[in-house]
Amino acid sequence: MENPSDKTISLLEESKLQADVIIPILNALRKEIGAERANGIVFDALRSRLRSRFQELAAKTPRGHKEKWAAM
């Protein structure tokens, strides 16, 4: 039997899974404290993770900018 933890997923699939979790939380925050404040909190919380993730991807794709975006 195949071990599910052995599978790798694409950046797109990873992003979809993360969005499935983050969007309901963001919507609840928007309802409680307003969209501007909620968006700011979530963006600030994710900023360093996003930066490090894009740096990882850039390091794995040592070509021009167009090729890096295409690879992602």
PDB file of N, CA and C in Angstrom:
ATOM      1  N   MET A   1       0.842  -1.180   0.000  1.00  0.00           N
ATOM      2  CA  MET A   1       0.000   0.000   0.000  1.00  0.00           C
ATOM      3  C   MET A   1       0.887   1.244   0.000  1.00  0.00           C
ATOM      4  N   GLU A   2       0.486   2.246  -0.747  1.00  0.00           N
ATOM      5  CA  GLU A   2       1.263   3.468  -0.871  1.00  0.00           C
ATOM      6  C   GLU A   2       1.093   4.335   0.369  1.00  0.00           C
ATOM      7  N   ASN A   3       2.189   4.884   0.835  1.00  0.00           N
ATOM      8  CA  ASN A   3       2.176   5.767   1.993  1.00  0.00           C
ATOM      9  C   ASN A   3       1.823   7.182   1.536  1.00  0.00           C
ATOM     10  N   PRO A   4       0.729   7.765   2.048  1.00  0.00           N
ATOM     11  CA  PRO A   4       0.319   9.104   1.605  1.00  0.00           C
ATOM     12  C   PRO A   4       1.382  10.160   1.873  1.00  0.00           C
ATOM     13  N   SER A   5       2.211   9.977   2.878  1.00  0.00           N
ATOM     14  CA  SER A   5       3.231  10.975   3.184  1.00  0.00           C
ATOM     15  C   SER A   5       4.374  10.951   2.186  1.00  0.00           C
ATOM     16  N   ASP A   6       4.452   9.918   1.348  1.00  0.00           N
ATOM     17  CA  ASP A   6       5.496   9.828   0.331  1.00  0.00           C
ATOM     18  C   ASP A   6       5.154  10.645  -0.918  1.00  0.00           C
ATOM     19  N   LYS A   7       3.918  11.093  -1.049  1.00  0.00           N
ATOM     20  CA  LYS A   7       3.504  11.835  -2.232  1.00  0.00           C
ATOM     21  C   LYS A   7       3.951  13.291  -2.126  1.00  0.00           C
ATOM     22  N   THR A   8       4.357  13.831  -3.261  1.00  0.00           N
ATOM     23  CA  THR A   8       4.624  15.253  -3.318  1.00  0.00           C
ATOM     24  C   THR A   8       3.479  15.902  -4.075  1.00  0.00           C
ATOM     25  N   ILE A   9       3.163  17.121  -3.691  1.00  0.00           N
ATOM     26  CA  ILE A   9       2.071  17.827  -4.357  1.00  0.00           C
ATOM     27  C   ILE A   9       2.634  19.080  -5.016  1.00  0.00           C
ATOM     28  N   SER A  10       1.941  19.541  -6.036  1.00  0.00           N
ATOM     29  CA  SER A  10       2.373  20.732  -6.751  1.00  0.00           C
ATOM     30  C   SER A  10       2.124  21.969  -5.891  1.00  0.00           C
ATOM     31  N   LEU A  11       2.767  23.057  -6.261  1.00  0.00           N
ATOM     32  CA  LEU A  11       2.559  24.323  -5.569  1.00  0.00           C
ATOM     33  C   LEU A  11       1.092  24.731  -5.648  1.00  0.00           C
ATOM     34  N   LEU A  12       0.469  24.490  -6.788  1.00  0.00           N
ATOM     35  CA  LEU A  12      -0.933  24.839  -6.952  1.00  0.00           C
ATOM     36  C   LEU A  12      -1.812  24.044  -5.988  1.00  0.00           C
ATOM     37  N   GLU A  13      -1.586  22.737  -5.892  1.00  0.00           N
ATOM     38  CA  GLU A  13      -2.366  21.909  -4.969  1.00  0.00           C
ATOM     39  C   GLU A  13      -2.122  22.315  -3.517  1.00  0.00           C
ATOM     40  N   GLU A  14      -0.876  22.603  -3.198  1.00  0.00           N
ATOM     41  CA  GLU A  14      -0.549  23.050  -1.841  1.00  0.00           C
ATOM     42  C   GLU A  14      -1.287  24.344  -1.517  1.00  0.00           C
ATOM     43  N   SER A  15      -1.298  25.262  -2.464  1.00  0.00           N
ATOM     44  CA  SER A  15      -1.983  26.541  -2.266  1.00  0.00           C
ATOM     45  C   SER A  15      -3.487  26.351  -2.084  1.00  0.00           C
ATOM     46  N   LYS A  16      -4.071  25.438  -2.857  1.00  0.00           N
ATOM     47  CA  LYS A  16      -5.510  25.155  -2.721  1.00  0.00           C
ATOM     48  C   LYS A  16      -5.834  24.594  -1.342  1.00  0.00           C
ATOM     49  N   LEU A  17      -5.002  23.689  -0.857  1.00  0.00           N
ATOM     50  CA  LEU A  17      -5.224  23.115   0.469  1.00  0.00           C
ATOM     51  C   LEU A  17      -5.116  24.176   1.555  1.00  0.00           C
ATOM     52  N   GLN A  18      -4.135  25.034   1.431  1.00  0.00           N
ATOM     53  CA  GLN A  18      -3.966  26.104   2.409  1.00  0.00           C
ATOM     54  C   GLN A  18      -5.142  27.069   2.365  1.00  0.00           C
ATOM     55  N   ALA A  19      -5.601  27.399   1.163  1.00  0.00           N
ATOM     56  CA  ALA A  19      -6.731  28.314   1.018  1.00  0.00           C
ATOM     57  C   ALA A  19      -7.997  27.734   1.637  1.00  0.00           C
ATOM     58  N   ASP A  20      -8.166  26.417   1.535  1.00  0.00           N
ATOM     59  CA  ASP A  20      -9.336  25.773   2.135  1.00  0.00           C
ATOM     60  C   ASP A  20      -9.390  25.988   3.642  1.00  0.00           C
ATOM     61  N   VAL A  21      -8.234  26.185   4.254  1.00  0.00           N
ATOM     62  CA  VAL A  21      -8.167  26.417   5.699  1.00  0.00           C
ATOM     63  C   VAL A  21      -8.230  27.907   6.015  1.00  0.00           C
ATOM     64  N   ILE A  22      -7.459  28.690   5.283  1.00  0.00           N
ATOM     65  CA  ILE A  22      -7.314  30.104   5.613  1.00  0.00           C
ATOM     66  C   ILE A  22      -8.555  30.926   5.279  1.00  0.00           C
ATOM     67  N   ILE A  23      -9.217  30.646   4.174  1.00  0.00           N
ATOM     68  CA  ILE A  23     -10.344  31.478   3.744  1.00  0.00           C
ATOM     69  C   ILE A  23     -11.483  31.500   4.758  1.00  0.00           C
ATOM     70  N   PRO A  24     -11.910  30.368   5.315  1.00  0.00           N
ATOM     71  CA  PRO A  24     -12.978  30.455   6.326  1.00  0.00           C
ATOM     72  C   PRO A  24     -12.548  31.247   7.566  1.00  0.00           C
ATOM     73  N   ILE A  25     -11.293  31.116   7.949  1.00  0.00           N
ATOM     74  CA  ILE A  25     -10.794  31.879   9.095  1.00  0.00           C
ATOM     75  C   ILE A  25     -10.786  33.370   8.765  1.00  0.00           C
ATOM     76  N   LEU A  26     -10.288  33.714   7.576  1.00  0.00           N
ATOM     77  CA  LEU A  26     -10.253  35.110   7.154  1.00  0.00           C
ATOM     78  C   LEU A  26     -11.663  35.696   7.078  1.00  0.00           C
ATOM     79  N   ASN A  27     -12.610  34.945   6.544  1.00  0.00           N
ATOM     80  CA  ASN A  27     -13.987  35.429   6.459  1.00  0.00           C
ATOM     81  C   ASN A  27     -14.590  35.670   7.838  1.00  0.00           C
ATOM     82  N   ALA A  28     -14.300  34.787   8.781  1.00  0.00           N
ATOM     83  CA  ALA A  28     -14.798  34.974  10.146  1.00  0.00           C
ATOM     84  C   ALA A  28     -14.175  36.214  10.789  1.00  0.00           C
ATOM     85  N   LEU A  29     -12.888  36.394  10.574  1.00  0.00           N
ATOM     86  CA  LEU A  29     -12.224  37.587  11.105  1.00  0.00           C
ATOM     87  C   LEU A  29     -12.798  38.860  10.486  1.00  0.00           C
ATOM     88  N   ARG A  30     -13.031  38.826   9.173  1.00  0.00           N
ATOM     89  CA  ARG A  30     -13.610  39.990   8.505  1.00  0.00           C
ATOM     90  C   ARG A  30     -14.964  40.348   9.096  1.00  0.00           C
ATOM     91  N   LYS A  31     -15.757  39.352   9.384  1.00  0.00           N
ATOM     92  CA  LYS A  31     -17.083  39.577   9.959  1.00  0.00           C
ATOM     93  C   LYS A  31     -16.984  40.198  11.356  1.00  0.00           C
ATOM     94  N   GLU A  32     -16.012  39.741  12.130  1.00  0.00           N
ATOM     95  CA  GLU A  32     -15.870  40.194  13.514  1.00  0.00           C
ATOM     96  C   GLU A  32     -15.169  41.540  13.650  1.00  0.00           C
ATOM     97  N   ILE A  33     -14.097  41.760  12.878  1.00  0.00           N
ATOM     98  CA  ILE A  33     -13.279  42.952  13.110  1.00  0.00           C
ATOM     99  C   ILE A  33     -13.140  43.845  11.886  1.00  0.00           C
ATOM    100  N   GLY A  34     -13.776  43.486  10.787  1.00  0.00           N
ATOM    101  CA  GLY A  34     -13.703  44.289   9.571  1.00  0.00           C
ATOM    102  C   GLY A  34     -12.645  43.772   8.613  1.00  0.00           C
ATOM    103  N   ALA A  35     -12.903  43.995   7.326  1.00  0.00           N
ATOM    104  CA  ALA A  35     -12.046  43.438   6.275  1.00  0.00           C
ATOM    105  C   ALA A  35     -10.634  44.009   6.315  1.00  0.00           C
ATOM    106  N   GLU A  36     -10.501  45.307   6.463  1.00  0.00           N
ATOM    107  CA  GLU A  36      -9.163  45.913   6.412  1.00  0.00           C
ATOM    108  C   GLU A  36      -8.273  45.382   7.532  1.00  0.00           C
ATOM    109  N   ARG A  37      -8.793  45.359   8.725  1.00  0.00           N
ATOM    110  CA  ARG A  37      -7.998  44.873   9.867  1.00  0.00           C
ATOM    111  C   ARG A  37      -7.707  43.378   9.728  1.00  0.00           C
ATOM    112  N   ALA A  38      -8.696  42.595   9.347  1.00  0.00           N
ATOM    113  CA  ALA A  38      -8.519  41.146   9.184  1.00  0.00           C
ATOM    114  C   ALA A  38      -7.496  40.837   8.103  1.00  0.00           C
ATOM    115  N   ASN A  39      -7.609  41.509   6.964  1.00  0.00           N
ATOM    116  CA  ASN A  39      -6.656  41.297   5.875  1.00  0.00           C
ATOM    117  C   ASN A  39      -5.236  41.621   6.329  1.00  0.00           C
ATOM    118  N   GLY A  40      -5.082  42.700   7.063  1.00  0.00           N
ATOM    119  CA  GLY A  40      -3.765  43.091   7.552  1.00  0.00           C
ATOM    120  C   GLY A  40      -3.168  42.074   8.501  1.00  0.00           C
ATOM    121  N   ILE A  41      -3.974  41.565   9.417  1.00  0.00           N
ATOM    122  CA  ILE A  41      -3.503  40.570  10.380  1.00  0.00           C
ATOM    123  C   ILE A  41      -3.051  39.304   9.662  1.00  0.00           C
ATOM    124  N   VAL A  42      -3.873  38.813   8.756  1.00  0.00           N
ATOM    125  CA  VAL A  42      -3.546  37.570   8.047  1.00  0.00           C
ATOM    126  C   VAL A  42      -2.320  37.762   7.153  1.00  0.00           C
ATOM    127  N   PHE A  43      -2.263  38.891   6.442  1.00  0.00           N
ATOM    128  CA  PHE A  43      -1.111  39.134   5.578  1.00  0.00           C
ATOM    129  C   PHE A  43       0.173  39.208   6.406  1.00  0.00           C
ATOM    130  N   ASP A  44       0.126  39.939   7.519  1.00  0.00           N
ATOM    131  CA  ASP A  44       1.312  40.040   8.378  1.00  0.00           C
ATOM    132  C   ASP A  44       1.728  38.676   8.915  1.00  0.00           C
ATOM    133  N   ALA A  45       0.753  37.857   9.263  1.00  0.00           N
ATOM    134  CA  ALA A  45       1.047  36.527   9.800  1.00  0.00           C
ATOM    135  C   ALA A  45       1.692  35.619   8.757  1.00  0.00           C
ATOM    136  N   LEU A  46       1.325  35.787   7.500  1.00  0.00           N
ATOM    137  CA  LEU A  46       1.817  34.912   6.437  1.00  0.00           C
ATOM    138  C   LEU A  46       3.019  35.461   5.674  1.00  0.00           C
ATOM    139  N   ARG A  47       3.328  36.729   5.859  1.00  0.00           N
ATOM    140  CA  ARG A  47       4.368  37.397   5.068  1.00  0.00           C
ATOM    141  C   ARG A  47       5.706  36.651   5.082  1.00  0.00           C
ATOM    142  N   SER A  48       6.229  36.302   6.239  1.00  0.00           N
ATOM    143  CA  SER A  48       7.547  35.660   6.292  1.00  0.00           C
ATOM    144  C   SER A  48       7.513  34.270   5.659  1.00  0.00           C
ATOM    145  N   ARG A  49       6.414  33.549   5.842  1.00  0.00           N
ATOM    146  CA  ARG A  49       6.291  32.219   5.226  1.00  0.00           C
ATOM    147  C   ARG A  49       6.250  32.318   3.708  1.00  0.00           C
ATOM    148  N   LEU A  50       5.484  33.281   3.209  1.00  0.00           N
ATOM    149  CA  LEU A  50       5.411  33.474   1.758  1.00  0.00           C
ATOM    150  C   LEU A  50       6.770  33.852   1.194  1.00  0.00           C
ATOM    151  N   ARG A  51       7.468  34.757   1.868  1.00  0.00           N
ATOM    152  CA  ARG A  51       8.785  35.191   1.401  1.00  0.00           C
ATOM    153  C   ARG A  51       9.753  34.003   1.347  1.00  0.00           C
ATOM    154  N   SER A  52       9.781  33.202   2.417  1.00  0.00           N
ATOM    155  CA  SER A  52      10.714  32.072   2.431  1.00  0.00           C
ATOM    156  C   SER A  52      10.324  31.017   1.400  1.00  0.00           C
ATOM    157  N   ARG A  53       9.035  30.806   1.180  1.00  0.00           N
ATOM    158  CA  ARG A  53       8.578  29.834   0.183  1.00  0.00           C
ATOM    159  C   ARG A  53       9.006  30.254  -1.222  1.00  0.00           C
ATOM    160  N   PHE A  54       8.826  31.541  -1.557  1.00  0.00           N
ATOM    161  CA  PHE A  54       9.228  32.018  -2.870  1.00  0.00           C
ATOM    162  C   PHE A  54      10.749  31.988  -3.033  1.00  0.00           C
ATOM    163  N   GLN A  55      11.490  32.220  -1.966  1.00  0.00           N
ATOM    164  CA  GLN A  55      12.951  32.114  -2.040  1.00  0.00           C
ATOM    165  C   GLN A  55      13.368  30.664  -2.306  1.00  0.00           C
ATOM    166  N   GLU A  56      12.693  29.709  -1.662  1.00  0.00           N
ATOM    167  CA  GLU A  56      12.969  28.290  -1.907  1.00  0.00           C
ATOM    168  C   GLU A  56      12.730  27.946  -3.372  1.00  0.00           C
ATOM    169  N   LEU A  57      11.595  28.403  -3.900  1.00  0.00           N
ATOM    170  CA  LEU A  57      11.256  28.117  -5.296  1.00  0.00           C
ATOM    171  C   LEU A  57      12.243  28.765  -6.254  1.00  0.00           C
ATOM    172  N   ALA A  58      12.641  29.984  -5.961  1.00  0.00           N
ATOM    173  CA  ALA A  58      13.597  30.672  -6.823  1.00  0.00           C
ATOM    174  C   ALA A  58      14.936  29.954  -6.833  1.00  0.00           C
ATOM    175  N   ALA A  59      15.347  29.441  -5.694  1.00  0.00           N
ATOM    176  CA  ALA A  59      16.625  28.732  -5.615  1.00  0.00           C
ATOM    177  C   ALA A  59      16.597  27.424  -6.407  1.00  0.00           C
ATOM    178  N   LYS A  60      15.443  26.796  -6.486  1.00  0.00           N
ATOM    179  CA  LYS A  60      15.312  25.532  -7.215  1.00  0.00           C
ATOM    180  C   LYS A  60      15.206  25.739  -8.723  1.00  0.00           C
ATOM    181  N   THR A  61      14.912  26.962  -9.150  1.00  0.00           N
ATOM    182  CA  THR A  61      14.713  27.252 -10.562  1.00  0.00           C
ATOM    183  C   THR A  61      15.663  28.377 -10.972  1.00  0.00           C
ATOM    184  N   PRO A  62      16.932  28.063 -11.213  1.00  0.00           N
ATOM    185  CA  PRO A  62      17.923  29.106 -11.498  1.00  0.00           C
ATOM    186  C   PRO A  62      17.923  29.591 -12.945  1.00  0.00           C
ATOM    187  N   ARG A  63      16.778  30.066 -13.415  1.00  0.00           N
ATOM    188  CA  ARG A  63      16.681  30.596 -14.775  1.00  0.00           C
ATOM    189  C   ARG A  63      16.093  31.996 -14.707  1.00  0.00           C
ATOM    190  N   GLY A  64      15.631  32.493 -15.828  1.00  0.00           N
ATOM    191  CA  GLY A  64      15.040  33.829 -15.885  1.00  0.00           C
ATOM    192  C   GLY A  64      13.703  33.897 -15.180  1.00  0.00           C
ATOM    193  N   HIS A  65      13.215  35.110 -15.016  1.00  0.00           N
ATOM    194  CA  HIS A  65      11.963  35.343 -14.293  1.00  0.00           C
ATOM    195  C   HIS A  65      10.765  34.636 -14.922  1.00  0.00           C
ATOM    196  N   LYS A  66      10.658  34.663 -16.234  1.00  0.00           N
ATOM    197  CA  LYS A  66       9.526  34.025 -16.907  1.00  0.00           C
ATOM    198  C   LYS A  66       9.520  32.523 -16.639  1.00  0.00           C
ATOM    199  N   GLU A  67      10.699  31.921 -16.686  1.00  0.00           N
ATOM    200  CA  GLU A  67      10.794  30.488 -16.441  1.00  0.00           C
ATOM    201  C   GLU A  67      10.439  30.141 -14.999  1.00  0.00           C
ATOM    202  N   LYS A  68      10.848  31.014 -14.060  1.00  0.00           N
ATOM    203  CA  LYS A  68      10.514  30.764 -12.651  1.00  0.00           C
ATOM    204  C   LYS A  68       9.009  30.792 -12.435  1.00  0.00           C
ATOM    205  N   TRP A  69       8.329  31.789 -13.010  1.00  0.00           N
ATOM    206  CA  TRP A  69       6.875  31.867 -12.854  1.00  0.00           C
ATOM    207  C   TRP A  69       6.194  30.674 -13.516  1.00  0.00           C
ATOM    208  N   ALA A  70       6.694  30.277 -14.672  1.00  0.00           N
ATOM    209  CA  ALA A  70       6.114  29.127 -15.364  1.00  0.00           C
ATOM    210  C   ALA A  70       6.289  27.854 -14.539  1.00  0.00           C
ATOM    211  N   ALA A  71       7.436  27.718 -13.900  1.00  0.00           N
ATOM    212  CA  ALA A  71       7.695  26.534 -13.086  1.00  0.00           C
ATOM    213  C   ALA A  71       6.793  26.472 -11.875  1.00  0.00           C
ATOM    214  N   MET A  72       6.458  27.644 -11.328  1.00  0.00           N
ATOM    215  CA  MET A  72       5.573  27.664 -10.159  1.00  0.00           C
ATOM    216  C   MET A  72       4.169  27.334 -10.563  1.00  0.00           C
TER     217      MET A  72
END
